[in-house]
Amino acid sequence: MLEIVLNGAAREVAEGSTVLDLLVALGIEPTRVAVELDRAILKPTRWPETTLAAGAKVEIVHFVGGG
């Protein structure tokens, strides 16, 4: 296990976990969020190949409808 920072809180994830693995583990629908990794927006096409490292700072932002 390794520790990352998810939306400002410490969280443990399995070593080798990708951004997509994290979203699945959290039960988050990938089409409804944006992900920032270490202060950079990460394109959804890169989520399956981007492995999380110890200390990574991940922000997940949910899209909200309205107007």
PDB file of N, CA and C in Angstrom:
ATOM      1  N   MET A   1       0.846  -1.181   0.000  1.00  0.00           N
ATOM      2  CA  MET A   1       0.000   0.000   0.000  1.00  0.00           C
ATOM      3  C   MET A   1       0.890   1.243   0.000  1.00  0.00           C
ATOM      4  N   LEU A   2       0.349   2.284  -0.622  1.00  0.00           N
ATOM      5  CA  LEU A   2       1.040   3.567  -0.581  1.00  0.00           C
ATOM      6  C   LEU A   2       0.016   4.652  -0.292  1.00  0.00           C
ATOM      7  N   GLU A   3       0.503   5.760   0.206  1.00  0.00           N
ATOM      8  CA  GLU A   3      -0.396   6.847   0.599  1.00  0.00           C
ATOM      9  C   GLU A   3      -0.371   7.969  -0.421  1.00  0.00           C
ATOM     10  N   ILE A   4      -1.566   8.416  -0.811  1.00  0.00           N
ATOM     11  CA  ILE A   4      -1.726   9.572  -1.680  1.00  0.00           C
ATOM     12  C   ILE A   4      -2.567  10.597  -0.916  1.00  0.00           C
ATOM     13  N   VAL A   5      -2.710  11.776  -1.489  1.00  0.00           N
ATOM     14  CA  VAL A   5      -3.596  12.789  -0.935  1.00  0.00           C
ATOM     15  C   VAL A   5      -4.736  12.955  -1.929  1.00  0.00           C
ATOM     16  N   LEU A   6      -5.947  12.623  -1.492  1.00  0.00           N
ATOM     17  CA  LEU A   6      -7.126  12.677  -2.348  1.00  0.00           C
ATOM     18  C   LEU A   6      -8.055  13.765  -1.837  1.00  0.00           C
ATOM     19  N   ASN A   7      -8.239  14.793  -2.656  1.00  0.00           N
ATOM     20  CA  ASN A   7      -9.084  15.934  -2.287  1.00  0.00           C
ATOM     21  C   ASN A   7      -8.731  16.447  -0.887  1.00  0.00           C
ATOM     22  N   GLY A   8      -7.432  16.513  -0.598  1.00  0.00           N
ATOM     23  CA  GLY A   8      -6.946  17.083   0.646  1.00  0.00           C
ATOM     24  C   GLY A   8      -6.838  16.133   1.827  1.00  0.00           C
ATOM     25  N   ALA A   9      -7.232  14.864   1.645  1.00  0.00           N
ATOM     26  CA  ALA A   9      -7.183  13.896   2.746  1.00  0.00           C
ATOM     27  C   ALA A   9      -6.287  12.715   2.370  1.00  0.00           C
ATOM     28  N   ALA A  10      -5.564  12.215   3.364  1.00  0.00           N
ATOM     29  CA  ALA A  10      -4.705  11.049   3.118  1.00  0.00           C
ATOM     30  C   ALA A  10      -5.564   9.827   2.809  1.00  0.00           C
ATOM     31  N   ARG A  11      -5.098   9.019   1.872  1.00  0.00           N
ATOM     32  CA  ARG A  11      -5.808   7.793   1.492  1.00  0.00           C
ATOM     33  C   ARG A  11      -4.777   6.770   1.041  1.00  0.00           C
ATOM     34  N   GLU A  12      -4.997   5.522   1.423  1.00  0.00           N
ATOM     35  CA  GLU A  12      -4.105   4.459   0.975  1.00  0.00           C
ATOM     36  C   GLU A  12      -4.683   3.787  -0.261  1.00  0.00           C
ATOM     37  N   VAL A  13      -3.798   3.482  -1.198  1.00  0.00           N
ATOM     38  CA  VAL A  13      -4.164   2.746  -2.404  1.00  0.00           C
ATOM     39  C   VAL A  13      -3.132   1.648  -2.613  1.00  0.00           C
ATOM     40  N   ALA A  14      -3.515   0.632  -3.355  1.00  0.00           N
ATOM     41  CA  ALA A  14      -2.592  -0.459  -3.654  1.00  0.00           C
ATOM     42  C   ALA A  14      -1.488   0.034  -4.581  1.00  0.00           C
ATOM     43  N   GLU A  15      -0.286  -0.479  -4.363  1.00  0.00           N
ATOM     44  CA  GLU A  15       0.810  -0.135  -5.263  1.00  0.00           C
ATOM     45  C   GLU A  15       0.443  -0.580  -6.675  1.00  0.00           C
ATOM     46  N   GLY A  16       0.791   0.241  -7.646  1.00  0.00           N
ATOM     47  CA  GLY A  16       0.487  -0.072  -9.032  1.00  0.00           C
ATOM     48  C   GLY A  16      -0.882   0.406  -9.483  1.00  0.00           C
ATOM     49  N   SER A  17      -1.645   1.016  -8.564  1.00  0.00           N
ATOM     50  CA  SER A  17      -2.976   1.515  -8.926  1.00  0.00           C
ATOM     51  C   SER A  17      -2.863   2.658  -9.919  1.00  0.00           C
ATOM     52  N   THR A  18      -3.785   2.674 -10.875  1.00  0.00           N
ATOM     53  CA  THR A  18      -3.861   3.768 -11.834  1.00  0.00           C
ATOM     54  C   THR A  18      -4.952   4.737 -11.397  1.00  0.00           C
ATOM     55  N   VAL A  19      -5.028   5.855 -12.074  1.00  0.00           N
ATOM     56  CA  VAL A  19      -6.084   6.826 -11.795  1.00  0.00           C
ATOM     57  C   VAL A  19      -7.445   6.173 -12.033  1.00  0.00           C
ATOM     58  N   LEU A  20      -7.578   5.405 -13.104  1.00  0.00           N
ATOM     59  CA  LEU A  20      -8.844   4.727 -13.377  1.00  0.00           C
ATOM     60  C   LEU A  20      -9.170   3.717 -12.279  1.00  0.00           C
ATOM     61  N   ASP A  21      -8.176   2.984 -11.796  1.00  0.00           N
ATOM     62  CA  ASP A  21      -8.398   2.047 -10.679  1.00  0.00           C
ATOM     63  C   ASP A  21      -8.959   2.781  -9.463  1.00  0.00           C
ATOM     64  N   LEU A  22      -8.427   3.968  -9.187  1.00  0.00           N
ATOM     65  CA  LEU A  22      -8.889   4.754  -8.052  1.00  0.00           C
ATOM     66  C   LEU A  22     -10.351   5.141  -8.222  1.00  0.00           C
ATOM     67  N   LEU A  23     -10.710   5.617  -9.406  1.00  0.00           N
ATOM     68  CA  LEU A  23     -12.100   6.011  -9.652  1.00  0.00           C
ATOM     69  C   LEU A  23     -13.045   4.818  -9.476  1.00  0.00           C
ATOM     70  N   VAL A  24     -12.654   3.668  -9.991  1.00  0.00           N
ATOM     71  CA  VAL A  24     -13.477   2.464  -9.866  1.00  0.00           C
ATOM     72  C   VAL A  24     -13.618   2.076  -8.395  1.00  0.00           C
ATOM     73  N   ALA A  25     -12.517   2.112  -7.650  1.00  0.00           N
ATOM     74  CA  ALA A  25     -12.546   1.755  -6.231  1.00  0.00           C
ATOM     75  C   ALA A  25     -13.448   2.695  -5.424  1.00  0.00           C
ATOM     76  N   LEU A  26     -13.541   3.938  -5.869  1.00  0.00           N
ATOM     77  CA  LEU A  26     -14.370   4.923  -5.187  1.00  0.00           C
ATOM     78  C   LEU A  26     -15.826   4.873  -5.651  1.00  0.00           C
ATOM     79  N   GLY A  27     -16.101   4.068  -6.686  1.00  0.00           N
ATOM     80  CA  GLY A  27     -17.455   3.980  -7.219  1.00  0.00           C
ATOM     81  C   GLY A  27     -17.868   5.221  -7.988  1.00  0.00           C
ATOM     82  N   ILE A  28     -16.892   5.881  -8.590  1.00  0.00           N
ATOM     83  CA  ILE A  28     -17.149   7.122  -9.325  1.00  0.00           C
ATOM     84  C   ILE A  28     -17.290   6.827 -10.811  1.00  0.00           C
ATOM     85  N   GLU A  29     -18.330   7.363 -11.415  1.00  0.00           N
ATOM     86  CA  GLU A  29     -18.559   7.230 -12.854  1.00  0.00           C
ATOM     87  C   GLU A  29     -17.545   8.121 -13.583  1.00  0.00           C
ATOM     88  N   PRO A  30     -16.621   7.528 -14.318  1.00  0.00           N
ATOM     89  CA  PRO A  30     -15.540   8.303 -14.946  1.00  0.00           C
ATOM     90  C   PRO A  30     -16.008   9.400 -15.914  1.00  0.00           C
ATOM     91  N   THR A  31     -17.179   9.243 -16.503  1.00  0.00           N
ATOM     92  CA  THR A  31     -17.635  10.260 -17.460  1.00  0.00           C
ATOM     93  C   THR A  31     -18.173  11.508 -16.771  1.00  0.00           C
ATOM     94  N   ARG A  32     -18.276  11.495 -15.440  1.00  0.00           N
ATOM     95  CA  ARG A  32     -18.869  12.607 -14.708  1.00  0.00           C
ATOM     96  C   ARG A  32     -17.863  13.419 -13.892  1.00  0.00           C
ATOM     97  N   VAL A  33     -16.557  13.172 -14.108  1.00  0.00           N
ATOM     98  CA  VAL A  33     -15.551  13.861 -13.303  1.00  0.00           C
ATOM     99  C   VAL A  33     -14.377  14.360 -14.137  1.00  0.00           C
ATOM    100  N   ALA A  34     -13.636  15.270 -13.537  1.00  0.00           N
ATOM    101  CA  ALA A  34     -12.330  15.697 -14.054  1.00  0.00           C
ATOM    102  C   ALA A  34     -11.319  15.345 -12.972  1.00  0.00           C
ATOM    103  N   VAL A  35     -10.107  15.003 -13.399  1.00  0.00           N
ATOM    104  CA  VAL A  35      -9.070  14.606 -12.442  1.00  0.00           C
ATOM    105  C   VAL A  35      -7.841  15.493 -12.631  1.00  0.00           C
ATOM    106  N   GLU A  36      -7.362  16.001 -11.490  1.00  0.00           N
ATOM    107  CA  GLU A  36      -6.118  16.757 -11.459  1.00  0.00           C
ATOM    108  C   GLU A  36      -5.111  15.920 -10.682  1.00  0.00           C
ATOM    109  N   LEU A  37      -3.951  15.719 -11.261  1.00  0.00           N
ATOM    110  CA  LEU A  37      -2.889  14.952 -10.614  1.00  0.00           C
ATOM    111  C   LEU A  37      -1.668  15.840 -10.473  1.00  0.00           C
ATOM    112  N   ASP A  38      -1.260  16.062  -9.238  1.00  0.00           N
ATOM    113  CA  ASP A  38      -0.105  16.911  -8.945  1.00  0.00           C
ATOM    114  C   ASP A  38      -0.197  18.256  -9.665  1.00  0.00           C
ATOM    115  N   ARG A  39      -1.381  18.874  -9.539  1.00  0.00           N
ATOM    116  CA  ARG A  39      -1.666  20.226 -10.020  1.00  0.00           C
ATOM    117  C   ARG A  39      -1.766  20.353 -11.526  1.00  0.00           C
ATOM    118  N   ALA A  40      -1.943  19.252 -12.238  1.00  0.00           N
ATOM    119  CA  ALA A  40      -2.128  19.289 -13.690  1.00  0.00           C
ATOM    120  C   ALA A  40      -3.366  18.464 -14.049  1.00  0.00           C
ATOM    121  N   ILE A  41      -4.206  19.023 -14.916  1.00  0.00           N
ATOM    122  CA  ILE A  41      -5.388  18.293 -15.377  1.00  0.00           C
ATOM    123  C   ILE A  41      -4.911  17.098 -16.199  1.00  0.00           C
ATOM    124  N   LEU A  42      -5.481  15.946 -15.908  1.00  0.00           N
ATOM    125  CA  LEU A  42      -5.100  14.718 -16.599  1.00  0.00           C
ATOM    126  C   LEU A  42      -6.214  14.316 -17.555  1.00  0.00           C
ATOM    127  N   LYS A  43      -5.892  14.167 -18.820  1.00  0.00           N
ATOM    128  CA  LYS A  43      -6.895  13.784 -19.815  1.00  0.00           C
ATOM    129  C   LYS A  43      -7.409  12.376 -19.520  1.00  0.00           C
ATOM    130  N   PRO A  44      -8.710  12.160 -19.688  1.00  0.00           N
ATOM    131  CA  PRO A  44      -9.299  10.837 -19.419  1.00  0.00           C
ATOM    132  C   PRO A  44      -8.629   9.691 -20.185  1.00  0.00           C
ATOM    133  N   THR A  45      -8.112   9.955 -21.347  1.00  0.00           N
ATOM    134  CA  THR A  45      -7.451   8.901 -22.125  1.00  0.00           C
ATOM    135  C   THR A  45      -6.184   8.401 -21.440  1.00  0.00           C
ATOM    136  N   ARG A  46      -5.642   9.193 -20.513  1.00  0.00           N
ATOM    137  CA  ARG A  46      -4.411   8.806 -19.807  1.00  0.00           C
ATOM    138  C   ARG A  46      -4.682   8.105 -18.482  1.00  0.00           C
ATOM    139  N   TRP A  47      -5.934   8.130 -17.990  1.00  0.00           N
ATOM    140  CA  TRP A  47      -6.254   7.540 -16.691  1.00  0.00           C
ATOM    141  C   TRP A  47      -5.864   6.075 -16.578  1.00  0.00           C
ATOM    142  N   PRO A  48      -6.120   5.236 -17.598  1.00  0.00           N
ATOM    143  CA  PRO A  48      -5.784   3.811 -17.449  1.00  0.00           C
ATOM    144  C   PRO A  48      -4.279   3.535 -17.397  1.00  0.00           C
ATOM    145  N   GLU A  49      -3.478   4.448 -17.889  1.00  0.00           N
ATOM    146  CA  GLU A  49      -2.028   4.205 -17.962  1.00  0.00           C
ATOM    147  C   GLU A  49      -1.226   4.999 -16.931  1.00  0.00           C
ATOM    148  N   THR A  50      -1.878   5.896 -16.214  1.00  0.00           N
ATOM    149  CA  THR A  50      -1.175   6.742 -15.258  1.00  0.00           C
ATOM    150  C   THR A  50      -1.201   6.109 -13.872  1.00  0.00           C
ATOM    151  N   THR A  51      -0.030   5.652 -13.437  1.00  0.00           N
ATOM    152  CA  THR A  51       0.106   4.990 -12.141  1.00  0.00           C
ATOM    153  C   THR A  51       0.315   6.026 -11.049  1.00  0.00           C
ATOM    154  N   LEU A  52      -0.360   5.811  -9.923  1.00  0.00           N
ATOM    155  CA  LEU A  52      -0.234   6.717  -8.785  1.00  0.00           C
ATOM    156  C   LEU A  52       1.038   6.408  -8.005  1.00  0.00           C
ATOM    157  N   ALA A  53       1.737   7.452  -7.600  1.00  0.00           N
ATOM    158  CA  ALA A  53       2.965   7.309  -6.819  1.00  0.00           C
ATOM    159  C   ALA A  53       2.701   7.766  -5.390  1.00  0.00           C
ATOM    160  N   ALA A  54       3.511   7.308  -4.474  1.00  0.00           N
ATOM    161  CA  ALA A  54       3.393   7.733  -3.081  1.00  0.00           C
ATOM    162  C   ALA A  54       3.470   9.254  -3.010  1.00  0.00           C
ATOM    163  N   GLY A  55       2.550   9.853  -2.259  1.00  0.00           N
ATOM    164  CA  GLY A  55       2.538  11.301  -2.100  1.00  0.00           C
ATOM    165  C   GLY A  55       1.828  12.055  -3.202  1.00  0.00           C
ATOM    166  N   ALA A  56       1.318  11.347  -4.215  1.00  0.00           N
ATOM    167  CA  ALA A  56       0.610  12.009  -5.312  1.00  0.00           C
ATOM    168  C   ALA A  56      -0.563  12.804  -4.754  1.00  0.00           C
ATOM    169  N   LYS A  57      -0.793  13.966  -5.323  1.00  0.00           N
ATOM    170  CA  LYS A  57      -1.922  14.805  -4.923  1.00  0.00           C
ATOM    171  C   LYS A  57      -2.982  14.721  -6.028  1.00  0.00           C
ATOM    172  N   VAL A  58      -4.120  14.117  -5.674  1.00  0.00           N
ATOM    173  CA  VAL A  58      -5.206  13.898  -6.633  1.00  0.00           C
ATOM    174  C   VAL A  58      -6.417  14.705  -6.208  1.00  0.00           C
ATOM    175  N   GLU A  59      -6.967  15.446  -7.147  1.00  0.00           N
ATOM    176  CA  GLU A  59      -8.215  16.166  -6.921  1.00  0.00           C
ATOM    177  C   GLU A  59      -9.217  15.632  -7.945  1.00  0.00           C
ATOM    178  N   ILE A  60     -10.374  15.227  -7.452  1.00  0.00           N
ATOM    179  CA  ILE A  60     -11.448  14.742  -8.318  1.00  0.00           C
ATOM    180  C   ILE A  60     -12.587  15.734  -8.208  1.00  0.00           C
ATOM    181  N   VAL A  61     -12.991  16.292  -9.350  1.00  0.00           N
ATOM    182  CA  VAL A  61     -14.049  17.291  -9.385  1.00  0.00           C
ATOM    183  C   VAL A  61     -15.230  16.713 -10.144  1.00  0.00           C
ATOM    184  N   HIS A  62     -16.396  16.704  -9.496  1.00  0.00           N
ATOM    185  CA  HIS A  62     -17.616  16.197 -10.117  1.00  0.00           C
ATOM    186  C   HIS A  62     -18.270  17.296 -10.936  1.00  0.00           C
ATOM    187  N   PHE A  63     -18.776  16.919 -12.125  1.00  0.00           N
ATOM    188  CA  PHE A  63     -19.546  17.852 -12.936  1.00  0.00           C
ATOM    189  C   PHE A  63     -20.947  17.970 -12.328  1.00  0.00           C
ATOM    190  N   VAL A  64     -21.451  19.194 -12.268  1.00  0.00           N
ATOM    191  CA  VAL A  64     -22.772  19.436 -11.720  1.00  0.00           C
ATOM    192  C   VAL A  64     -23.597  20.151 -12.767  1.00  0.00           C
ATOM    193  N   GLY A  65     -24.767  19.611 -13.084  1.00  0.00           N
ATOM    194  CA  GLY A  65     -25.651  20.245 -14.050  1.00  0.00           C
ATOM    195  C   GLY A  65     -26.436  21.374 -13.403  1.00  0.00           C
ATOM    196  N   GLY A  66     -26.963  22.207 -14.221  1.00  0.00           N
ATOM    197  CA  GLY A  66     -27.761  23.325 -13.718  1.00  0.00           C
ATOM    198  C   GLY A  66     -27.639  24.500 -14.642  1.00  0.00           C
ATOM    199  N   GLY A  67     -28.280  25.560 -14.251  1.00  0.00           N
ATOM    200  CA  GLY A  67     -28.150  26.710 -15.133  1.00  0.00           C
ATOM    201  C   GLY A  67     -28.978  27.824 -14.771  1.00  0.00           C
TER     202      GLY A  67
END
